[in-house]
Amino acid sequence: MNGILWLMVGLAVSNPSAANPLFEELVKQGVSTSAESRLQLPLPTLADGVDSAGQQAVLAKIVGDRYPVDEFVRDSVVTPFVLKFPEIGGAAAAARGVEVWFVVYGDLNDLSKDDVLKEFTTARGRETTLHVLTGAELQSRNLPAANGDTGKMLMKPGELAERFVHTTAPILEKVELRQTLRCVLSRGEESIVIATIVDHRFDGDQDFPNQYQRLIRNDNGETTKGPVQLYSGAGGYLKATRLAKPAGAILVEYHAVYSEPRDWFNGANLLQSKLPILLQSRIRELRRDLRK
């Protein structure tokens, strides 16, 4: 994949995400974006166990010549972020990638609530609905009831929480997308990882299916839905790593790929033009939440 940032700094760094089975799946087996292809996600840019000098080298690599590292780590709601769109593709369905890096200030414990990063990594909007499946809903589908919505906070390294989230969202008023995401949140000594993937066990589910329908508007401005189509998939992970300096700084990095069927926008990459504004809003909101 072009544009993926690979950097190894330091000796004998540990893999803080090894306890997260879904993270392991994303970087080793990959994400299904069509019937023919799976795309692996890159390893984190910043591993745990890197010393202060090594961390600064990673930050310098991330920002490149965009702006000074001091500006990237500044404690402000409006501090800039780095956004990249890896060039990838598929046969039956177009696959898109997105990578983003930014710094927040706060305590890892505040990010350990499974609803904080879940809100950042799932769809939202005025017409978007989000439902965390309950224990009873999971149990009726032969999934562990313990993975139902609890608002658990991960306070200790090694702890893990798993949730299933169903979203329904209009995409640029052209497509209605419904998907059920498996979300696994894990806590390490220096970091938190939340990994998400469209769970294909829900493909034919009556209540929480993975599907899309084109939104068709007639001459009178009335919108109807086209035929139901199976959604191929999407997946990604977010890693928040405590920095040695500045004090209280946390580097957040997000890597994801998603299927964008060609009949959504006739092959045009319309979402890429909208994502910078959307991500800027999400990042600033997260920074505000951590200041409370």
Protein backbone atom coordinates (compact mmCIF):
# COMPACT_ATOMS: atom_id res chain seq x y z
CA MET A 1 0.00 0.00 0.00
CA ASN A 2 1.41 3.37 -1.00
CA GLY A 3 1.51 6.07 1.65
CA ILE A 4 1.61 3.69 4.61
CA LEU A 5 4.04 4.94 7.21
CA TRP A 6 6.43 2.25 8.47
CA LEU A 7 8.98 3.14 11.12
CA MET A 8 10.90 0.98 13.58
CA VAL A 9 12.73 2.83 16.33
CA GLY A 10 14.69 1.41 19.25
CA LEU A 11 15.71 -2.09 20.23
CA ALA A 12 13.56 -4.89 21.58
CA VAL A 13 10.37 -2.78 21.65
CA SER A 14 7.35 -4.67 22.88
CA ASN A 15 4.10 -5.11 20.98
CA PRO A 16 1.46 -3.54 23.26
CA SER A 17 -1.38 -4.75 21.09
CA ALA A 18 -0.63 -8.46 21.29
CA ALA A 19 -3.41 -8.96 23.85
CA ASN A 20 -5.98 -7.59 21.39
CA PRO A 21 -7.03 -10.48 19.15
CA LEU A 22 -8.88 -8.27 16.67
CA PHE A 23 -5.83 -6.01 16.23
CA GLU A 24 -3.80 -9.13 15.45
CA GLU A 25 -6.40 -10.16 12.87
CA LEU A 26 -6.32 -6.75 11.18
CA VAL A 27 -2.53 -6.60 10.75
CA LYS A 28 -2.01 -10.29 9.90
CA GLN A 29 -5.13 -11.53 8.09
CA GLY A 30 -6.46 -8.17 6.97
CA VAL A 31 -9.90 -6.75 6.20
CA SER A 32 -12.25 -8.22 3.62
CA THR A 33 -13.10 -5.43 1.16
CA SER A 34 -14.55 -7.64 -1.58
CA ALA A 35 -15.18 -11.31 -2.27
CA GLU A 36 -11.70 -11.55 -3.78
CA SER A 37 -9.48 -9.38 -1.60
CA ARG A 38 -8.30 -8.81 1.94
CA LEU A 39 -6.11 -5.85 2.89
CA GLN A 40 -3.72 -5.91 5.83
CA LEU A 41 -3.37 -2.86 8.03
CA PRO A 42 0.09 -1.52 8.93
CA LEU A 43 1.63 -1.93 12.35
CA PRO A 44 1.44 1.09 14.66
CA THR A 45 3.77 3.95 13.85
CA LEU A 46 4.70 4.29 17.53
CA ALA A 47 5.26 1.08 19.48
CA ASP A 48 5.31 0.81 23.25
CA GLY A 49 8.74 0.69 24.90
CA VAL A 50 10.30 3.45 22.78
CA ASP A 51 12.34 5.97 24.81
CA SER A 52 11.83 9.74 24.70
CA ALA A 53 14.40 10.34 21.94
CA GLY A 54 12.90 7.57 19.85
CA GLN A 55 9.42 8.99 20.30
CA GLN A 56 10.60 12.41 19.12
CA ALA A 57 12.09 10.77 16.02
CA VAL A 58 8.76 9.12 15.28
CA LEU A 59 6.91 12.43 15.70
CA ALA A 60 9.37 14.15 13.34
CA LYS A 61 8.78 11.41 10.76
CA ILE A 62 5.00 11.80 11.07
CA VAL A 63 4.91 15.56 10.53
CA GLY A 64 7.71 15.65 7.95
CA ASP A 65 8.05 19.15 6.56
CA ARG A 66 4.43 20.12 7.23
CA TYR A 67 5.19 22.01 10.45
CA PRO A 68 7.50 21.79 13.50
CA VAL A 69 7.02 18.97 15.99
CA ASP A 70 6.40 21.60 18.69
CA GLU A 71 3.33 22.75 16.77
CA PHE A 72 2.07 19.18 16.34
CA VAL A 73 2.26 18.48 20.10
CA ARG A 74 0.96 21.88 21.25
CA ASP A 75 -1.70 21.65 23.98
CA SER A 76 -4.61 23.24 22.12
CA VAL A 77 -7.98 22.17 20.77
CA VAL A 78 -7.00 23.51 17.33
CA THR A 79 -3.53 21.92 17.08
CA PRO A 80 -3.08 20.46 13.56
CA PHE A 81 -3.24 16.79 12.65
CA VAL A 82 -1.71 14.68 9.87
CA LEU A 83 -4.01 12.94 7.39
CA LYS A 84 -3.07 10.54 4.58
CA PHE A 85 -5.04 8.54 2.02
CA PRO A 86 -3.15 5.40 0.95
CA GLU A 87 -3.75 4.45 -2.68
CA ILE A 88 -5.33 1.00 -2.72
CA GLY A 89 -7.93 -0.73 -4.81
CA GLY A 90 -9.92 -3.83 -5.53
CA ALA A 91 -11.60 -5.57 -8.42
CA ALA A 92 -15.33 -5.79 -7.72
CA ALA A 93 -15.35 -2.99 -5.17
CA ALA A 94 -13.11 0.01 -4.67
CA ALA A 95 -11.18 -0.06 -1.43
CA ARG A 96 -10.20 3.18 0.28
CA GLY A 97 -7.71 3.79 3.06
CA VAL A 98 -7.30 6.51 5.65
CA GLU A 99 -4.58 7.24 8.21
CA VAL A 100 -4.53 10.05 10.76
CA TRP A 101 -2.19 11.11 13.57
CA PHE A 102 -2.83 13.73 16.26
CA VAL A 103 -1.99 14.59 19.86
CA VAL A 104 -4.38 14.98 22.80
CA TYR A 105 -3.73 15.82 26.43
CA GLY A 106 -5.17 13.90 29.34
CA ASP A 107 -5.00 10.61 31.20
CA LEU A 108 -5.05 7.19 29.57
CA ASN A 109 -7.71 6.28 32.13
CA ASP A 110 -10.01 8.85 30.54
CA LEU A 111 -9.53 7.14 27.19
CA SER A 112 -10.12 3.73 28.75
CA LYS A 113 -13.87 4.14 28.78
CA ASP A 114 -15.12 2.01 25.94
CA ASP A 115 -17.60 4.71 24.90
CA VAL A 116 -14.96 7.45 24.43
CA LEU A 117 -12.94 5.91 21.59
CA LYS A 118 -15.99 4.04 20.30
CA GLU A 119 -17.63 7.41 19.64
CA PHE A 120 -14.55 8.53 17.71
CA THR A 121 -14.27 5.40 15.56
CA THR A 122 -17.94 4.89 14.61
CA ALA A 123 -20.24 6.86 12.37
CA ARG A 124 -22.22 9.78 13.70
CA GLY A 125 -24.43 12.52 12.35
CA ARG A 126 -27.88 14.04 12.56
CA GLU A 127 -29.51 11.12 10.76
CA THR A 128 -27.16 8.45 12.08
CA THR A 129 -28.33 5.88 14.60
CA LEU A 130 -25.92 3.93 16.82
CA HIS A 131 -26.89 0.96 18.94
CA VAL A 132 -24.62 -1.08 21.20
CA LEU A 133 -26.01 -4.59 21.28
CA THR A 134 -27.22 -5.76 24.67
CA GLY A 135 -26.35 -9.01 26.38
CA ALA A 136 -29.76 -10.44 25.49
CA GLU A 137 -29.38 -9.49 21.81
CA LEU A 138 -25.99 -11.16 21.68
CA GLN A 139 -27.12 -14.26 23.53
CA SER A 140 -30.00 -14.79 21.08
CA ARG A 141 -27.34 -14.88 18.33
CA ASN A 142 -25.13 -17.37 20.19
CA LEU A 143 -22.61 -14.68 21.12
CA PRO A 144 -21.39 -14.10 24.71
CA ALA A 145 -23.86 -12.00 26.68
CA ALA A 146 -20.91 -10.62 28.67
CA ASN A 147 -20.00 -8.56 25.59
CA GLY A 148 -23.16 -6.48 25.92
CA ASP A 149 -23.18 -2.76 26.63
CA THR A 150 -21.77 -2.01 30.12
CA GLY A 151 -19.74 1.23 29.80
CA LYS A 152 -16.77 -0.60 31.29
CA MET A 153 -13.55 1.29 32.01
CA LEU A 154 -10.23 -0.46 31.47
CA MET A 155 -8.07 0.59 34.40
CA LYS A 156 -5.38 -2.10 34.40
CA PRO A 157 -2.88 -3.18 31.72
CA GLY A 158 -3.96 -6.45 30.16
CA GLU A 159 -7.69 -5.77 30.49
CA LEU A 160 -9.89 -6.16 27.44
CA ALA A 161 -13.49 -5.31 26.52
CA GLU A 162 -15.47 -6.44 23.47
CA ARG A 163 -18.62 -4.80 22.13
CA PHE A 164 -20.84 -5.00 19.05
CA VAL A 165 -22.14 -1.74 17.60
CA HIS A 166 -24.71 -1.35 14.85
CA THR A 167 -24.89 1.91 12.90
CA THR A 168 -27.22 3.20 10.22
CA ALA A 169 -25.95 6.25 8.36
CA PRO A 170 -26.59 8.14 5.11
CA ILE A 171 -23.39 8.60 3.08
CA LEU A 172 -23.37 11.99 1.31
CA GLU A 173 -27.15 11.62 0.79
CA LYS A 174 -26.45 9.00 -1.87
CA VAL A 175 -26.28 5.74 0.09
CA GLU A 176 -27.72 4.38 3.32
CA LEU A 177 -25.18 2.11 5.00
CA ARG A 178 -26.01 -0.31 7.80
CA GLN A 179 -23.22 -2.24 9.48
CA THR A 180 -22.50 -4.14 12.67
CA LEU A 181 -19.00 -3.60 14.01
CA ARG A 182 -17.12 -5.84 16.38
CA CYS A 183 -15.07 -3.55 18.63
CA VAL A 184 -12.26 -4.81 20.88
CA LEU A 185 -10.66 -2.37 23.33
CA SER A 186 -7.44 -3.36 25.10
CA ARG A 187 -5.19 -1.65 27.65
CA GLY A 188 -1.39 -1.88 27.78
CA GLU A 189 1.20 -0.32 30.09
CA GLU A 190 1.64 2.73 27.86
CA SER A 191 -1.23 2.60 25.44
CA ILE A 192 -4.82 1.75 24.56
CA VAL A 193 -5.94 0.08 21.34
CA ILE A 194 -9.46 -0.12 19.96
CA ALA A 195 -9.86 -2.32 16.89
CA THR A 196 -13.05 -2.48 14.82
CA ILE A 197 -14.25 -4.59 11.91
CA VAL A 198 -17.52 -5.24 10.11
CA ASP A 199 -18.64 -8.58 11.54
CA HIS A 200 -19.87 -10.81 8.74
CA ARG A 201 -21.78 -13.03 11.16
CA PHE A 202 -24.42 -10.31 10.90
CA ASP A 203 -24.59 -10.23 7.08
CA GLY A 204 -28.07 -11.74 6.94
CA ASP A 205 -29.26 -10.58 10.35
CA GLN A 206 -32.87 -9.44 10.43
CA ASP A 207 -32.24 -6.56 12.83
CA PHE A 208 -28.55 -5.65 12.47
CA PRO A 209 -27.49 -6.49 8.89
CA ASN A 210 -24.42 -5.39 6.93
CA GLN A 211 -25.95 -3.84 3.85
CA TYR A 212 -26.36 -0.72 1.78
CA GLN A 213 -29.04 0.82 -0.41
CA ARG A 214 -28.63 3.62 -2.89
CA LEU A 215 -30.78 6.69 -2.16
CA ILE A 216 -32.64 7.78 -5.29
CA ARG A 217 -34.20 11.23 -5.48
CA ASN A 218 -36.91 11.90 -8.08
CA ASP A 219 -37.84 15.17 -9.78
CA ASN A 220 -40.20 16.02 -6.91
CA GLY A 221 -37.39 15.78 -4.36
CA GLU A 222 -38.72 12.54 -2.91
CA THR A 223 -36.17 9.92 -1.89
CA THR A 224 -36.60 6.20 -2.35
CA LYS A 225 -34.22 3.35 -1.56
CA GLY A 226 -32.74 1.03 -4.15
CA PRO A 227 -32.28 -2.74 -3.81
CA VAL A 228 -30.53 -4.10 -0.74
CA GLN A 229 -26.88 -4.96 -1.40
CA LEU A 230 -24.45 -6.80 0.87
CA TYR A 231 -21.71 -4.53 2.24
CA SER A 232 -18.27 -6.07 1.73
CA GLY A 233 -16.54 -4.72 4.79
CA ALA A 234 -14.37 -2.26 6.65
CA GLY A 235 -11.91 -2.35 9.52
CA GLY A 236 -9.42 -0.27 11.40
CA TYR A 237 -7.74 0.42 14.69
CA LEU A 238 -6.92 3.39 16.86
CA LYS A 239 -3.90 3.39 19.16
CA ALA A 240 -3.36 6.01 21.87
CA THR A 241 0.18 6.02 23.28
CA ARG A 242 1.45 8.08 26.22
CA LEU A 243 4.41 10.30 25.27
CA ALA A 244 7.37 10.89 27.60
CA LYS A 245 7.17 14.58 26.73
CA PRO A 246 5.47 16.98 26.74
CA ALA A 247 3.91 15.97 30.04
CA GLY A 248 0.37 14.70 29.63
CA ALA A 249 0.65 14.30 25.85
CA ILE A 250 -0.84 11.24 24.11
CA LEU A 251 -0.23 10.37 20.45
CA VAL A 252 -3.33 9.00 18.74
CA GLU A 253 -3.00 7.19 15.42
CA TYR A 254 -5.81 5.70 13.35
CA HIS A 255 -5.43 3.30 10.41
CA ALA A 256 -8.41 1.97 8.45
CA VAL A 257 -9.56 0.54 5.13
CA TYR A 258 -13.11 0.31 3.87
CA SER A 259 -15.00 -0.95 0.87
CA GLU A 260 -16.56 1.72 -1.35
CA PRO A 261 -18.64 -0.03 -4.02
CA ARG A 262 -18.38 1.65 -7.39
CA ASP A 263 -22.11 2.16 -7.67
CA TRP A 264 -22.04 4.52 -4.66
CA PHE A 265 -20.43 7.44 -6.49
CA ASN A 266 -19.68 5.97 -9.95
CA GLY A 267 -16.07 5.41 -8.90
CA ALA A 268 -15.45 9.04 -7.86
CA ASN A 269 -13.67 9.43 -4.52
CA LEU A 270 -16.17 11.89 -3.00
CA LEU A 271 -15.59 10.85 0.61
CA GLN A 272 -11.94 11.91 0.53
CA SER A 273 -12.96 15.54 0.07
CA LYS A 274 -15.29 15.38 3.09
CA LEU A 275 -13.10 13.48 5.55
CA PRO A 276 -10.69 16.33 6.51
CA ILE A 277 -13.53 18.48 7.88
CA LEU A 278 -15.19 15.51 9.57
CA LEU A 279 -11.95 14.39 11.23
CA GLN A 280 -11.09 17.92 12.32
CA SER A 281 -14.46 18.13 14.08
CA ARG A 282 -14.04 14.71 15.74
CA ILE A 283 -10.50 15.47 16.92
CA ARG A 284 -11.44 18.83 18.40
CA GLU A 285 -14.45 17.30 20.13
CA LEU A 286 -12.27 14.55 21.65
CA ARG A 287 -9.79 17.15 22.89
CA ARG A 288 -12.60 19.15 24.48
CA ASP A 289 -14.04 16.04 26.14
CA LEU A 290 -10.66 15.20 27.70
CA ARG A 291 -10.40 18.71 29.16
CA LYS A 292 -13.62 18.31 31.16
